[in-house]
């Protein structure tokens, strides 16, 4: 009987300790924080130039600590910051993002700011009106706070990850063609026209809608009838899935086409060196 009583007493004591700890843990609650206040070294119009692109600072941004708080006091976790940039009027729906990690400021070189602008698909050499803000959130948490918005006017310049057609000798007409076993014309070069010629949206963006055979391959050619220059994937022969938006390069390997045959739209972006297939 005494042993049973001792056992029951032990169980009660352990249960009490567990409940006390659980209650203490449950009392640690997120109380919120203060939206960061974003400031810029200048909001004067910027005209970016490739001269000293990586050594000259175009813009310095700073922001205040959001001071995330819990019932136990100020947050001790790491806070991640992301610079978000979008064109004016787009309401940050399709932003260009740059992760800043734990710092409370970032100095953007001419090259870095230019790449951010080009990622918004602005026309190089044109004046762009953009908005900037900082997104703050606790690591592994959805506690997100946004700063105030700063408006900026900047003129970008052409800086492509992959040299586009129209900017190099021998293919200065800026045309682009589709060739390969995935296409109706197969590997025959020259390719059938106009069905396998891309539409040139601008100097760095091309698109084509074509019927592709499933499980086959293709390449991009700037000159119809010439194998001297080609664009292919940058991750090894037939190892990239073109449905996921892979990277490409000049002189790359064959691009793996969609698994299932059908009509697809291939969009090529020479600024980012990426292409998508939908």
Protein backbone atom coordinates (compact mmCIF):
# COMPACT_ATOMS: atom_id res chain seq x y z
CA UNK A 1 0.00 0.00 0.00
CA UNK A 2 2.82 2.38 0.90
CA UNK A 3 4.50 1.63 -2.42
CA UNK A 4 1.31 2.45 -4.30
CA UNK A 5 0.96 5.73 -2.43
CA UNK A 6 4.59 6.63 -3.17
CA UNK A 7 4.03 5.83 -6.86
CA UNK A 8 0.89 7.97 -7.01
CA UNK A 9 2.68 10.80 -5.24
CA UNK A 10 5.51 10.60 -7.79
CA UNK A 11 3.11 10.69 -10.71
CA UNK A 12 1.29 13.70 -9.28
CA UNK A 13 4.57 15.51 -8.69
CA UNK A 14 5.81 14.87 -12.25
CA UNK A 15 2.45 15.92 -13.71
CA UNK A 16 2.48 19.11 -11.67
CA UNK A 17 6.01 19.93 -12.86
CA UNK A 18 5.06 19.25 -16.51
CA UNK A 19 1.95 21.41 -16.32
CA UNK A 20 3.90 24.21 -14.66
CA UNK A 21 6.51 24.15 -17.43
CA UNK A 22 3.83 24.02 -20.13
CA UNK A 23 2.08 26.99 -18.58
CA UNK A 24 5.35 28.93 -18.47
CA UNK A 25 6.09 28.14 -22.12
CA UNK A 26 2.58 29.07 -23.21
CA UNK A 27 3.03 32.47 -21.62
CA UNK A 28 5.84 33.39 -24.05
CA UNK A 29 3.93 35.27 -26.70
CA UNK A 30 4.86 37.51 -29.61
CA UNK A 31 3.83 41.08 -28.88
CA UNK A 32 4.79 42.65 -32.19
CA UNK A 33 7.37 45.18 -33.30
CA UNK A 34 7.88 48.53 -34.95
CA UNK A 35 7.99 48.81 -38.77
CA UNK A 36 11.53 49.75 -39.85
CA UNK A 37 12.10 53.34 -40.92
CA UNK A 38 13.93 53.36 -44.26
CA UNK A 39 16.15 56.24 -45.37
CA UNK A 40 18.28 56.72 -48.50
CA UNK A 41 21.55 58.57 -48.97
CA UNK A 42 19.88 60.43 -51.85
CA UNK A 43 16.59 60.46 -53.73
CA UNK A 44 17.90 62.56 -56.61
CA UNK A 45 17.53 61.06 -60.10
CA UNK A 46 20.27 58.53 -60.90
CA UNK A 47 21.81 57.92 -64.30
CA UNK A 48 23.73 54.64 -64.08
CA UNK A 49 26.77 53.96 -66.22
CA UNK A 50 28.94 50.85 -66.67
CA UNK A 51 32.03 52.95 -65.98
CA UNK A 52 33.32 51.87 -62.54
CA UNK A 53 30.14 49.83 -62.16
CA UNK A 54 31.48 47.59 -59.39
CA UNK A 55 33.53 50.16 -57.51
CA UNK A 56 31.21 53.15 -57.29
CA UNK A 57 28.35 53.29 -54.80
CA UNK A 58 25.10 54.42 -56.39
CA UNK A 59 22.92 54.39 -53.30
CA UNK A 60 23.14 53.62 -49.57
CA UNK A 61 20.03 52.52 -47.71
CA UNK A 62 19.64 52.39 -43.93
CA UNK A 63 16.79 51.35 -41.67
CA UNK A 64 15.93 51.12 -37.99
CA UNK A 65 15.68 47.95 -35.92
CA UNK A 66 12.08 46.66 -35.80
CA UNK A 67 12.56 45.66 -32.13
CA UNK A 68 10.50 42.50 -32.15
CA UNK A 69 9.16 41.90 -28.65
CA UNK A 70 7.87 38.90 -26.71
CA UNK A 71 6.42 38.58 -23.26
CA UNK A 72 9.93 37.68 -22.09
CA UNK A 73 11.35 40.91 -23.47
CA UNK A 74 13.13 42.00 -26.66
CA UNK A 75 13.71 39.38 -29.31
CA UNK A 76 17.05 37.58 -29.22
CA UNK A 77 16.58 35.76 -32.53
CA UNK A 78 18.19 36.79 -35.81
CA UNK A 79 16.17 39.15 -37.99
CA UNK A 80 16.37 38.76 -41.76
CA UNK A 81 15.98 41.80 -44.01
CA UNK A 82 15.05 41.89 -47.69
CA UNK A 83 15.22 44.88 -49.98
CA UNK A 84 12.16 44.91 -52.25
CA UNK A 85 12.06 47.05 -55.39
CA UNK A 86 9.18 47.40 -57.84
CA UNK A 87 8.01 49.83 -60.47
CA UNK A 88 5.72 52.61 -59.27
CA UNK A 89 2.08 51.55 -59.38
CA UNK A 90 2.75 47.79 -59.28
CA UNK A 91 2.16 47.65 -55.51
CA UNK A 92 5.08 45.26 -54.95
CA UNK A 93 3.33 42.40 -56.72
CA UNK A 94 6.32 41.34 -58.83
CA UNK A 95 9.28 42.64 -56.88
CA UNK A 96 13.01 42.36 -57.35
CA UNK A 97 14.36 41.14 -54.01
CA UNK A 98 17.83 41.35 -52.44
CA UNK A 99 18.48 39.54 -49.15
CA UNK A 100 20.46 41.69 -46.70
CA UNK A 101 20.66 39.20 -43.78
CA UNK A 102 21.12 40.84 -40.35
CA UNK A 103 22.58 44.23 -41.33
CA UNK A 104 20.72 47.53 -40.89
CA UNK A 105 22.11 49.08 -44.07
CA UNK A 106 23.26 48.20 -47.56
CA UNK A 107 25.52 50.06 -50.00
CA UNK A 108 24.48 49.33 -53.57
CA UNK A 109 27.10 49.66 -56.29
CA UNK A 110 26.11 50.94 -59.71
CA UNK A 111 26.22 47.38 -61.01
CA UNK A 112 24.07 46.00 -58.18
CA UNK A 113 21.39 48.66 -58.56
CA UNK A 114 21.41 48.26 -62.33
CA UNK A 115 20.81 44.51 -62.01
CA UNK A 116 17.92 45.15 -59.63
CA UNK A 117 16.33 47.48 -62.18
CA UNK A 118 16.86 45.09 -65.09
CA UNK A 119 15.26 42.28 -63.08
CA UNK A 120 12.06 44.34 -63.26
CA UNK A 121 12.19 44.03 -67.06
CA UNK A 122 12.66 47.75 -67.56
CA UNK A 123 14.07 48.92 -70.88
CA UNK A 124 17.82 49.59 -70.60
CA UNK A 125 18.61 53.26 -71.19
CA UNK A 126 15.14 54.40 -70.20
CA UNK A 127 14.08 56.34 -67.11
CA UNK A 128 12.42 54.07 -64.54
CA UNK A 129 10.29 55.18 -61.60
CA UNK A 130 10.64 52.63 -58.82
CA UNK A 131 9.69 52.15 -55.19
CA UNK A 132 11.87 50.61 -52.49
CA UNK A 133 11.03 49.15 -49.09
CA UNK A 134 12.52 46.79 -46.49
CA UNK A 135 10.82 43.58 -45.43
CA UNK A 136 11.83 42.39 -41.95
CA UNK A 137 10.98 39.04 -40.47
CA UNK A 138 12.22 36.75 -37.73
CA UNK A 139 14.15 33.73 -38.94
CA UNK A 140 11.82 30.72 -39.24
CA UNK A 141 8.82 32.92 -38.49
CA UNK A 142 5.98 34.64 -40.30
CA UNK A 143 6.25 37.76 -38.14
CA UNK A 144 6.80 40.18 -41.03
CA UNK A 145 7.04 43.96 -40.90
CA UNK A 146 7.41 46.37 -43.84
CA UNK A 147 9.13 49.73 -43.83
CA UNK A 148 7.97 52.96 -45.36
CA UNK A 149 8.30 53.27 -49.16
CA UNK A 150 10.94 55.42 -50.86
CA UNK A 151 10.48 56.48 -54.49
CA UNK A 152 13.44 56.71 -56.82
CA UNK A 153 14.04 57.65 -60.46
CA UNK A 154 16.91 55.85 -62.19
CA UNK A 155 18.18 55.25 -65.71
CA UNK A 156 19.64 51.79 -66.26
CA UNK A 157 22.07 50.50 -68.88
CA UNK A 158 22.28 47.23 -70.78
CA UNK A 159 24.10 44.56 -68.78
CA UNK A 160 23.27 41.05 -69.92
CA UNK A 161 24.28 37.79 -68.25
CA UNK A 162 24.46 36.24 -71.73
CA UNK A 163 25.48 38.18 -74.84
CA UNK A 164 22.24 38.64 -76.80
CA UNK A 165 21.83 38.41 -80.57
CA UNK A 166 22.41 41.70 -82.30
CA UNK A 167 25.39 42.71 -80.16
CA UNK A 168 28.16 40.55 -81.62
CA UNK A 169 29.68 40.14 -85.08
CA UNK A 170 28.08 37.76 -87.60
CA UNK A 171 24.60 37.90 -86.06
CA UNK A 172 23.95 41.60 -85.75
CA UNK A 173 20.39 41.37 -87.07
CA UNK A 174 19.18 40.32 -83.59
CA UNK A 175 17.27 37.24 -84.72
CA UNK A 176 16.90 33.96 -82.83
CA UNK A 177 15.84 30.50 -84.00
CA UNK A 178 14.76 27.19 -82.47
CA UNK A 179 16.33 23.92 -83.65
CA UNK A 180 16.40 20.33 -82.38
CA UNK A 181 14.73 16.95 -82.19
CA UNK A 182 11.90 18.50 -80.13
CA UNK A 183 10.90 20.70 -83.08
CA UNK A 184 9.02 19.90 -86.28
CA UNK A 185 12.16 20.60 -88.33
CA UNK A 186 14.34 18.30 -86.24
CA UNK A 187 18.06 19.03 -86.36
CA UNK A 188 17.85 20.32 -89.93
CA UNK A 189 19.64 23.64 -90.22
CA UNK A 190 18.43 26.05 -91.61
CA UNK A 191 15.17 25.67 -89.74
CA UNK A 192 11.65 26.09 -91.16
CA UNK A 193 10.41 29.68 -91.24
CA UNK A 194 8.55 31.41 -89.75
CA UNK A 195 7.42 28.64 -87.35
CA UNK A 196 10.82 28.24 -85.65
CA UNK A 197 11.87 31.88 -85.45
CA UNK A 198 11.55 33.70 -82.11
CA UNK A 199 9.71 36.98 -81.75
CA UNK A 200 12.09 39.71 -80.58
CA UNK A 201 10.35 41.66 -77.81
CA UNK A 202 13.36 43.92 -77.26
CA UNK A 203 17.15 43.66 -77.32
CA UNK A 204 17.27 41.12 -74.49
CA UNK A 205 13.88 39.35 -74.47
CA UNK A 206 12.62 36.76 -76.97
CA UNK A 207 9.60 34.46 -77.10
CA UNK A 208 8.23 31.71 -79.33
CA UNK A 209 5.16 29.46 -79.21
CA UNK A 210 5.83 26.13 -80.88
CA UNK A 211 4.76 22.50 -80.90
CA UNK A 212 7.38 20.35 -79.18
CA UNK A 213 7.76 16.58 -79.18
CA UNK A 214 7.96 15.03 -75.72
CA UNK A 215 11.26 13.85 -74.28
CA UNK A 216 13.43 15.49 -76.95
CA UNK A 217 16.03 18.28 -77.07
CA UNK A 218 16.65 21.67 -78.65
CA UNK A 219 19.07 24.58 -78.98
CA UNK A 220 18.79 28.30 -79.78
CA UNK A 221 20.59 29.71 -82.81
CA UNK A 222 21.26 33.39 -83.64
CA UNK A 223 21.98 32.57 -87.28
CA UNK A 224 19.69 30.30 -89.31
CA UNK A 225 21.77 27.71 -91.13
CA UNK A 226 24.93 28.16 -89.06
CA UNK A 227 26.19 25.96 -86.18
CA UNK A 228 29.06 28.33 -85.37
CA UNK A 229 27.20 30.04 -82.50
CA UNK A 230 24.54 28.43 -80.33
CA UNK A 231 22.84 28.93 -76.99
CA UNK A 232 22.26 25.89 -74.76
CA UNK A 233 21.88 24.91 -71.13
CA UNK A 234 24.64 25.63 -68.63
CA UNK A 235 24.35 22.55 -66.45
CA UNK A 236 25.55 19.66 -68.60
CA UNK A 237 24.16 17.84 -71.62
CA UNK A 238 20.47 16.97 -71.30
CA UNK A 239 20.51 17.43 -67.52
CA UNK A 240 18.31 20.53 -67.25
CA UNK A 241 14.55 20.41 -67.20
CA UNK A 242 13.46 23.36 -69.33
CA UNK A 243 10.04 23.48 -67.68
CA UNK A 244 11.52 24.87 -64.47
CA UNK A 245 13.20 27.98 -65.82
CA UNK A 246 16.83 27.02 -66.15
CA UNK A 247 19.90 29.03 -67.04
CA UNK A 248 21.56 29.04 -70.45
CA UNK A 249 24.82 30.21 -71.97
CA UNK A 250 26.54 30.72 -75.28
CA UNK A 251 28.00 27.42 -76.45
CA UNK A 252 25.89 25.43 -73.99
CA UNK A 253 24.71 21.83 -74.28
CA UNK A 254 21.42 20.56 -75.67
CA UNK A 255 18.41 21.67 -73.67
CA UNK A 256 16.11 18.96 -72.37
CA UNK A 257 12.60 19.59 -73.66
CA UNK A 258 9.28 18.91 -71.88
CA UNK A 259 8.46 15.31 -71.02
CA UNK A 260 5.04 15.49 -72.69
CA UNK A 261 4.53 16.70 -76.22
CA UNK A 262 2.35 19.74 -76.85
CA UNK A 263 2.30 23.45 -77.62
CA UNK A 264 4.64 25.48 -75.41
CA UNK A 265 5.80 29.07 -75.08
CA UNK A 266 9.54 29.52 -74.55
CA UNK A 267 10.57 32.87 -73.08
CA UNK A 268 14.26 33.81 -73.13
CA UNK A 269 15.78 36.55 -70.96
CA UNK A 270 19.38 37.45 -71.85
CA UNK A 271 19.64 39.91 -68.96
CA UNK A 272 19.20 37.21 -66.34
CA UNK A 273 20.46 34.33 -68.49
CA UNK A 274 17.26 32.40 -67.73
CA UNK A 275 14.53 30.86 -69.86
CA UNK A 276 11.10 29.47 -69.02
CA UNK A 277 8.80 27.04 -70.81
CA UNK A 278 5.05 27.18 -70.21
